[in-house]
Amino acid sequence: MKTFLKKHILTLIFTVTGAAGGFLYWRYIGCASGTCFIKSVWYMSTLYGMLLGYITGGLVEDIAGRRKNSVKSEGKAR
């Protein structure tokens, strides 16, 4: 379990931050008429924020992993 958390910490942080951002967006901006599908109820905006956070976190984690691997391979080549 510790290795999973260590490996995917950025994705988890971005997912939780996205969920909080989606909820806060619903709470303070939202949709006054209630006709907006994503923004009319709190759980849809929270899930949408989580999805965006998960995707962004995965991208950042992938970029960081590639950069880390390229630095390791450059160090071995020297």
PDB file of N, CA and C in Angstrom:
ATOM      1  N   MET A   1       0.817  -1.193   0.000  1.00  0.00           N
ATOM      2  CA  MET A   1       0.000   0.000   0.000  1.00  0.00           C
ATOM      3  C   MET A   1       0.863   1.261   0.000  1.00  0.00           C
ATOM      4  N   LYS A   2       1.951   1.216   0.752  1.00  0.00           N
ATOM      5  CA  LYS A   2       2.832   2.382   0.807  1.00  0.00           C
ATOM      6  C   LYS A   2       3.473   2.663  -0.545  1.00  0.00           C
ATOM      7  N   THR A   3       3.821   1.603  -1.275  1.00  0.00           N
ATOM      8  CA  THR A   3       4.432   1.818  -2.586  1.00  0.00           C
ATOM      9  C   THR A   3       3.426   2.401  -3.566  1.00  0.00           C
ATOM     10  N   PHE A   4       2.158   1.985  -3.468  1.00  0.00           N
ATOM     11  CA  PHE A   4       1.128   2.553  -4.327  1.00  0.00           C
ATOM     12  C   PHE A   4       0.956   4.040  -4.052  1.00  0.00           C
ATOM     13  N   LEU A   5       0.870   4.400  -2.771  1.00  0.00           N
ATOM     14  CA  LEU A   5       0.712   5.808  -2.404  1.00  0.00           C
ATOM     15  C   LEU A   5       1.924   6.632  -2.826  1.00  0.00           C
ATOM     16  N   LYS A   6       3.105   6.055  -2.641  1.00  0.00           N
ATOM     17  CA  LYS A   6       4.325   6.764  -3.014  1.00  0.00           C
ATOM     18  C   LYS A   6       4.405   6.972  -4.521  1.00  0.00           C
ATOM     19  N   LYS A   7       3.952   5.979  -5.274  1.00  0.00           N
ATOM     20  CA  LYS A   7       4.025   6.048  -6.726  1.00  0.00           C
ATOM     21  C   LYS A   7       2.989   7.008  -7.319  1.00  0.00           C
ATOM     22  N   HIS A   8       1.813   7.095  -6.700  1.00  0.00           N
ATOM     23  CA  HIS A   8       0.712   7.873  -7.269  1.00  0.00           C
ATOM     24  C   HIS A   8       0.305   9.068  -6.405  1.00  0.00           C
ATOM     25  N   ILE A   9       1.210   9.625  -5.647  1.00  0.00           N
ATOM     26  CA  ILE A   9       0.868  10.714  -4.739  1.00  0.00           C
ATOM     27  C   ILE A   9       0.408  11.962  -5.486  1.00  0.00           C
ATOM     28  N   LEU A  10       1.032  12.291  -6.605  1.00  0.00           N
ATOM     29  CA  LEU A  10       0.627  13.480  -7.350  1.00  0.00           C
ATOM     30  C   LEU A  10      -0.784  13.341  -7.902  1.00  0.00           C
ATOM     31  N   THR A  11      -1.118  12.182  -8.426  1.00  0.00           N
ATOM     32  CA  THR A  11      -2.461  11.966  -8.947  1.00  0.00           C
ATOM     33  C   THR A  11      -3.494  12.069  -7.835  1.00  0.00           C
ATOM     34  N   LEU A  12      -3.194  11.516  -6.680  1.00  0.00           N
ATOM     35  CA  LEU A  12      -4.124  11.593  -5.555  1.00  0.00           C
ATOM     36  C   LEU A  12      -4.314  13.024  -5.071  1.00  0.00           C
ATOM     37  N   ILE A  13      -3.230  13.775  -5.002  1.00  0.00           N
ATOM     38  CA  ILE A  13      -3.315  15.173  -4.565  1.00  0.00           C
ATOM     39  C   ILE A  13      -4.146  15.989  -5.545  1.00  0.00           C
ATOM     40  N   PHE A  14      -3.889  15.807  -6.843  1.00  0.00           N
ATOM     41  CA  PHE A  14      -4.645  16.543  -7.846  1.00  0.00           C
ATOM     42  C   PHE A  14      -6.119  16.131  -7.848  1.00  0.00           C
ATOM     43  N   THR A  15      -6.419  14.855  -7.611  1.00  0.00           N
ATOM     44  CA  THR A  15      -7.802  14.389  -7.579  1.00  0.00           C
ATOM     45  C   THR A  15      -8.566  15.008  -6.415  1.00  0.00           C
ATOM     46  N   VAL A  16      -7.970  15.018  -5.251  1.00  0.00           N
ATOM     47  CA  VAL A  16      -8.619  15.612  -4.074  1.00  0.00           C
ATOM     48  C   VAL A  16      -8.775  17.117  -4.260  1.00  0.00           C
ATOM     49  N   THR A  17      -7.767  17.770  -4.804  1.00  0.00           N
ATOM     50  CA  THR A  17      -7.848  19.207  -5.058  1.00  0.00           C
ATOM     51  C   THR A  17      -8.924  19.512  -6.092  1.00  0.00           C
ATOM     52  N   GLY A  18      -9.028  18.683  -7.119  1.00  0.00           N
ATOM     53  CA  GLY A  18     -10.068  18.860  -8.126  1.00  0.00           C
ATOM     54  C   GLY A  18     -11.458  18.696  -7.547  1.00  0.00           C
ATOM     55  N   ALA A  19     -11.626  17.721  -6.662  1.00  0.00           N
ATOM     56  CA  ALA A  19     -12.920  17.522  -6.009  1.00  0.00           C
ATOM     57  C   ALA A  19     -13.291  18.736  -5.168  1.00  0.00           C
ATOM     58  N   ALA A  20     -12.332  19.244  -4.413  1.00  0.00           N
ATOM     59  CA  ALA A  20     -12.597  20.432  -3.598  1.00  0.00           C
ATOM     60  C   ALA A  20     -12.909  21.638  -4.482  1.00  0.00           C
ATOM     61  N   GLY A  21     -12.171  21.766  -5.579  1.00  0.00           N
ATOM     62  CA  GLY A  21     -12.429  22.869  -6.502  1.00  0.00           C
ATOM     63  C   GLY A  21     -13.800  22.767  -7.153  1.00  0.00           C
ATOM     64  N   GLY A  22     -14.212  21.566  -7.532  1.00  0.00           N
ATOM     65  CA  GLY A  22     -15.541  21.371  -8.114  1.00  0.00           C
ATOM     66  C   GLY A  22     -16.644  21.693  -7.126  1.00  0.00           C
ATOM     67  N   PHE A  23     -16.468  21.274  -5.881  1.00  0.00           N
ATOM     68  CA  PHE A  23     -17.472  21.586  -4.867  1.00  0.00           C
ATOM     69  C   PHE A  23     -17.546  23.087  -4.604  1.00  0.00           C
ATOM     70  N   LEU A  24     -16.388  23.719  -4.485  1.00  0.00           N
ATOM     71  CA  LEU A  24     -16.380  25.165  -4.241  1.00  0.00           C
ATOM     72  C   LEU A  24     -16.950  25.936  -5.421  1.00  0.00           C
ATOM     73  N   TYR A  25     -16.723  25.439  -6.627  1.00  0.00           N
ATOM     74  CA  TYR A  25     -17.312  26.074  -7.800  1.00  0.00           C
ATOM     75  C   TYR A  25     -18.835  26.000  -7.722  1.00  0.00           C
ATOM     76  N   TRP A  26     -19.371  24.838  -7.356  1.00  0.00           N
ATOM     77  CA  TRP A  26     -20.818  24.696  -7.216  1.00  0.00           C
ATOM     78  C   TRP A  26     -21.340  25.608  -6.114  1.00  0.00           C
ATOM     79  N   ARG A  27     -20.610  25.669  -5.015  1.00  0.00           N
ATOM     80  CA  ARG A  27     -21.066  26.427  -3.843  1.00  0.00           C
ATOM     81  C   ARG A  27     -21.105  27.929  -4.100  1.00  0.00           C
ATOM     82  N   TYR A  28     -20.075  28.463  -4.734  1.00  0.00           N
ATOM     83  CA  TYR A  28     -19.975  29.912  -4.847  1.00  0.00           C
ATOM     84  C   TYR A  28     -20.341  30.466  -6.225  1.00  0.00           C
ATOM     85  N   ILE A  29     -20.265  29.666  -7.277  1.00  0.00           N
ATOM     86  CA  ILE A  29     -20.607  30.157  -8.610  1.00  0.00           C
ATOM     87  C   ILE A  29     -21.853  29.450  -9.103  1.00  0.00           C
ATOM     88  N   GLY A  30     -21.779  28.150  -9.267  1.00  0.00           N
ATOM     89  CA  GLY A  30     -22.929  27.311  -9.571  1.00  0.00           C
ATOM     90  C   GLY A  30     -23.809  27.775 -10.716  1.00  0.00           C
ATOM     91  N   CYS A  31     -25.044  27.285 -10.691  1.00  0.00           N
ATOM     92  CA  CYS A  31     -26.031  27.595 -11.724  1.00  0.00           C
ATOM     93  C   CYS A  31     -27.322  27.963 -11.011  1.00  0.00           C
ATOM     94  N   ALA A  32     -27.713  29.204 -11.100  1.00  0.00           N
ATOM     95  CA  ALA A  32     -28.871  29.695 -10.358  1.00  0.00           C
ATOM     96  C   ALA A  32     -30.187  29.081 -10.848  1.00  0.00           C
ATOM     97  N   SER A  33     -30.307  28.816 -12.131  1.00  0.00           N
ATOM     98  CA  SER A  33     -31.577  28.319 -12.666  1.00  0.00           C
ATOM     99  C   SER A  33     -31.762  26.818 -12.429  1.00  0.00           C
ATOM    100  N   GLY A  34     -30.683  26.082 -12.225  1.00  0.00           N
ATOM    101  CA  GLY A  34     -30.771  24.650 -12.002  1.00  0.00           C
ATOM    102  C   GLY A  34     -30.837  23.839 -13.282  1.00  0.00           C
ATOM    103  N   THR A  35     -30.661  24.475 -14.423  1.00  0.00           N
ATOM    104  CA  THR A  35     -30.732  23.757 -15.693  1.00  0.00           C
ATOM    105  C   THR A  35     -29.372  23.287 -16.188  1.00  0.00           C
ATOM    106  N   CYS A  36     -28.301  23.730 -15.581  1.00  0.00           N
ATOM    107  CA  CYS A  36     -26.966  23.311 -15.980  1.00  0.00           C
ATOM    108  C   CYS A  36     -26.699  21.936 -15.386  1.00  0.00           C
ATOM    109  N   PHE A  37     -26.399  20.960 -16.229  1.00  0.00           N
ATOM    110  CA  PHE A  37     -26.263  19.580 -15.763  1.00  0.00           C
ATOM    111  C   PHE A  37     -25.113  19.419 -14.782  1.00  0.00           C
ATOM    112  N   ILE A  38     -23.956  19.944 -15.128  1.00  0.00           N
ATOM    113  CA  ILE A  38     -22.782  19.744 -14.285  1.00  0.00           C
ATOM    114  C   ILE A  38     -22.842  20.610 -13.034  1.00  0.00           C
ATOM    115  N   LYS A  39     -23.318  21.827 -13.155  1.00  0.00           N
ATOM    116  CA  LYS A  39     -23.241  22.775 -12.047  1.00  0.00           C
ATOM    117  C   LYS A  39     -24.496  22.854 -11.190  1.00  0.00           C
ATOM    118  N   SER A  40     -25.553  22.136 -11.541  1.00  0.00           N
ATOM    119  CA  SER A  40     -26.802  22.309 -10.802  1.00  0.00           C
ATOM    120  C   SER A  40     -26.833  21.555  -9.480  1.00  0.00           C
ATOM    121  N   VAL A  41     -26.100  20.444  -9.373  1.00  0.00           N
ATOM    122  CA  VAL A  41     -26.059  19.677  -8.125  1.00  0.00           C
ATOM    123  C   VAL A  41     -24.602  19.515  -7.692  1.00  0.00           C
ATOM    124  N   TRP A  42     -24.405  19.453  -6.400  1.00  0.00           N
ATOM    125  CA  TRP A  42     -23.044  19.462  -5.863  1.00  0.00           C
ATOM    126  C   TRP A  42     -22.234  18.234  -6.267  1.00  0.00           C
ATOM    127  N   TYR A  43     -22.858  17.074  -6.335  1.00  0.00           N
ATOM    128  CA  TYR A  43     -22.077  15.869  -6.610  1.00  0.00           C
ATOM    129  C   TYR A  43     -21.603  15.796  -8.065  1.00  0.00           C
ATOM    130  N   MET A  44     -22.354  16.386  -9.002  1.00  0.00           N
ATOM    131  CA  MET A  44     -21.891  16.383 -10.391  1.00  0.00           C
ATOM    132  C   MET A  44     -20.683  17.303 -10.566  1.00  0.00           C
ATOM    133  N   SER A  45     -20.718  18.481  -9.972  1.00  0.00           N
ATOM    134  CA  SER A  45     -19.568  19.382 -10.100  1.00  0.00           C
ATOM    135  C   SER A  45     -18.356  18.833  -9.351  1.00  0.00           C
ATOM    136  N   THR A  46     -18.595  18.146  -8.231  1.00  0.00           N
ATOM    137  CA  THR A  46     -17.499  17.537  -7.489  1.00  0.00           C
ATOM    138  C   THR A  46     -16.875  16.394  -8.285  1.00  0.00           C
ATOM    139  N   LEU A  47     -17.694  15.545  -8.885  1.00  0.00           N
ATOM    140  CA  LEU A  47     -17.175  14.447  -9.706  1.00  0.00           C
ATOM    141  C   LEU A  47     -16.450  14.977 -10.942  1.00  0.00           C
ATOM    142  N   TYR A  48     -16.981  16.016 -11.549  1.00  0.00           N
ATOM    143  CA  TYR A  48     -16.332  16.616 -12.707  1.00  0.00           C
ATOM    144  C   TYR A  48     -14.968  17.193 -12.311  1.00  0.00           C
ATOM    145  N   GLY A  49     -14.904  17.847 -11.163  1.00  0.00           N
ATOM    146  CA  GLY A  49     -13.629  18.364 -10.664  1.00  0.00           C
ATOM    147  C   GLY A  49     -12.652  17.251 -10.364  1.00  0.00           C
ATOM    148  N   MET A  50     -13.151  16.144  -9.795  1.00  0.00           N
ATOM    149  CA  MET A  50     -12.285  14.994  -9.529  1.00  0.00           C
ATOM    150  C   MET A  50     -11.722  14.418 -10.823  1.00  0.00           C
ATOM    151  N   LEU A  51     -12.564  14.316 -11.838  1.00  0.00           N
ATOM    152  CA  LEU A  51     -12.122  13.785 -13.119  1.00  0.00           C
ATOM    153  C   LEU A  51     -11.036  14.664 -13.731  1.00  0.00           C
ATOM    154  N   LEU A  52     -11.252  15.961 -13.724  1.00  0.00           N
ATOM    155  CA  LEU A  52     -10.243  16.874 -14.254  1.00  0.00           C
ATOM    156  C   LEU A  52      -8.953  16.819 -13.437  1.00  0.00           C
ATOM    157  N   GLY A  53      -9.069  16.724 -12.123  1.00  0.00           N
ATOM    158  CA  GLY A  53      -7.893  16.600 -11.269  1.00  0.00           C
ATOM    159  C   GLY A  53      -7.143  15.312 -11.504  1.00  0.00           C
ATOM    160  N   TYR A  54      -7.882  14.220 -11.708  1.00  0.00           N
ATOM    161  CA  TYR A  54      -7.254  12.920 -11.964  1.00  0.00           C
ATOM    162  C   TYR A  54      -6.483  12.943 -13.277  1.00  0.00           C
ATOM    163  N   ILE A  55      -7.094  13.498 -14.313  1.00  0.00           N
ATOM    164  CA  ILE A  55      -6.427  13.567 -15.619  1.00  0.00           C
ATOM    165  C   ILE A  55      -5.195  14.452 -15.543  1.00  0.00           C
ATOM    166  N   THR A  56      -5.331  15.618 -14.921  1.00  0.00           N
ATOM    167  CA  THR A  56      -4.199  16.528 -14.793  1.00  0.00           C
ATOM    168  C   THR A  56      -3.087  15.910 -13.948  1.00  0.00           C
ATOM    169  N   GLY A  57      -3.457  15.275 -12.844  1.00  0.00           N
ATOM    170  CA  GLY A  57      -2.459  14.623 -11.992  1.00  0.00           C
ATOM    171  C   GLY A  57      -1.730  13.506 -12.706  1.00  0.00           C
ATOM    172  N   GLY A  58      -2.450  12.734 -13.517  1.00  0.00           N
ATOM    173  CA  GLY A  58      -1.812  11.674 -14.288  1.00  0.00           C
ATOM    174  C   GLY A  58      -0.822  12.226 -15.301  1.00  0.00           C
ATOM    175  N   LEU A  59      -1.194  13.322 -15.951  1.00  0.00           N
ATOM    176  CA  LEU A  59      -0.283  13.954 -16.907  1.00  0.00           C
ATOM    177  C   LEU A  59       0.968  14.489 -16.217  1.00  0.00           C
ATOM    178  N   VAL A  60       0.784  15.165 -15.102  1.00  0.00           N
ATOM    179  CA  VAL A  60       1.926  15.715 -14.367  1.00  0.00           C
ATOM    180  C   VAL A  60       2.814  14.596 -13.857  1.00  0.00           C
ATOM    181  N   GLU A  61       2.202  13.536 -13.353  1.00  0.00           N
ATOM    182  CA  GLU A  61       2.973  12.394 -12.849  1.00  0.00           C
ATOM    183  C   GLU A  61       3.768  11.735 -13.975  1.00  0.00           C
ATOM    184  N   ASP A  62       3.164  11.617 -15.147  1.00  0.00           N
ATOM    185  CA  ASP A  62       3.847  11.026 -16.297  1.00  0.00           C
ATOM    186  C   ASP A  62       5.025  11.893 -16.740  1.00  0.00           C
ATOM    187  N   ILE A  63       4.819  13.188 -16.806  1.00  0.00           N
ATOM    188  CA  ILE A  63       5.900  14.098 -17.197  1.00  0.00           C
ATOM    189  C   ILE A  63       7.033  14.057 -16.180  1.00  0.00           C
ATOM    190  N   ALA A  64       6.681  14.058 -14.891  1.00  0.00           N
ATOM    191  CA  ALA A  64       7.704  13.995 -13.849  1.00  0.00           C
ATOM    192  C   ALA A  64       8.468  12.671 -13.909  1.00  0.00           C
ATOM    193  N   GLY A  65       7.765  11.576 -14.185  1.00  0.00           N
ATOM    194  CA  GLY A  65       8.424  10.272 -14.291  1.00  0.00           C
ATOM    195  C   GLY A  65       9.373  10.201 -15.470  1.00  0.00           C
ATOM    196  N   ARG A  66       8.964  10.773 -16.591  1.00  0.00           N
ATOM    197  CA  ARG A  66       9.849  10.785 -17.757  1.00  0.00           C
ATOM    198  C   ARG A  66      11.084  11.634 -17.500  1.00  0.00           C
ATOM    199  N   ARG A  67      10.887  12.773 -16.848  1.00  0.00           N
ATOM    200  CA  ARG A  67      12.023  13.643 -16.544  1.00  0.00           C
ATOM    201  C   ARG A  67      12.978  12.942 -15.582  1.00  0.00           C
ATOM    202  N   LYS A  68      12.412  12.246 -14.600  1.00  0.00           N
ATOM    203  CA  LYS A  68      13.236  11.534 -13.627  1.00  0.00           C
ATOM    204  C   LYS A  68      14.031  10.415 -14.304  1.00  0.00           C
ATOM    205  N   ASN A  69      13.383   9.699 -15.219  1.00  0.00           N
ATOM    206  CA  ASN A  69      14.073   8.617 -15.931  1.00  0.00           C
ATOM    207  C   ASN A  69      15.145   9.145 -16.868  1.00  0.00           C
ATOM    208  N   SER A  70      14.903  10.286 -17.507  1.00  0.00           N
ATOM    209  CA  SER A  70      15.911  10.831 -18.409  1.00  0.00           C
ATOM    210  C   SER A  70      17.127  11.336 -17.637  1.00  0.00           C
ATOM    211  N   VAL A  71      16.905  11.881 -16.453  1.00  0.00           N
ATOM    212  CA  VAL A  71      18.028  12.320 -15.620  1.00  0.00           C
ATOM    213  C   VAL A  71      18.836  11.109 -15.160  1.00  0.00           C
ATOM    214  N   LYS A  72      18.172  10.012 -14.822  1.00  0.00           N
ATOM    215  CA  LYS A  72      18.877   8.801 -14.409  1.00  0.00           C
ATOM    216  C   LYS A  72      19.686   8.227 -15.558  1.00  0.00           C
ATOM    217  N   SER A  73      19.112   8.210 -16.756  1.00  0.00           N
ATOM    218  CA  SER A  73      19.823   7.645 -17.901  1.00  0.00           C
ATOM    219  C   SER A  73      20.992   8.528 -18.325  1.00  0.00           C
ATOM    220  N   GLU A  74      20.881   9.849 -18.165  1.00  0.00           N
ATOM    221  CA  GLU A  74      21.992  10.734 -18.474  1.00  0.00           C
ATOM    222  C   GLU A  74      23.128  10.527 -17.482  1.00  0.00           C
ATOM    223  N   GLY A  75      22.797  10.276 -16.234  1.00  0.00           N
ATOM    224  CA  GLY A  75      23.804  10.033 -15.223  1.00  0.00           C
ATOM    225  C   GLY A  75      24.563   8.747 -15.457  1.00  0.00           C
ATOM    226  N   LYS A  76      23.881   7.724 -15.965  1.00  0.00           N
ATOM    227  CA  LYS A  76      24.527   6.440 -16.250  1.00  0.00           C
ATOM    228  C   LYS A  76      25.402   6.509 -17.498  1.00  0.00           C
ATOM    229  N   ALA A  77      25.019   7.373 -18.434  1.00  0.00           N
ATOM    230  CA  ALA A  77      25.774   7.476 -19.696  1.00  0.00           C
ATOM    231  C   ALA A  77      27.133   8.146 -19.505  1.00  0.00           C
ATOM    232  N   ARG A  78      27.242   8.927 -18.497  1.00  0.00           N
ATOM    233  CA  ARG A  78      28.494   9.656 -18.264  1.00  0.00           C
ATOM    234  C   ARG A  78      29.511   8.824 -17.614  1.00  0.00           C
TER     235      ARG A  78
END
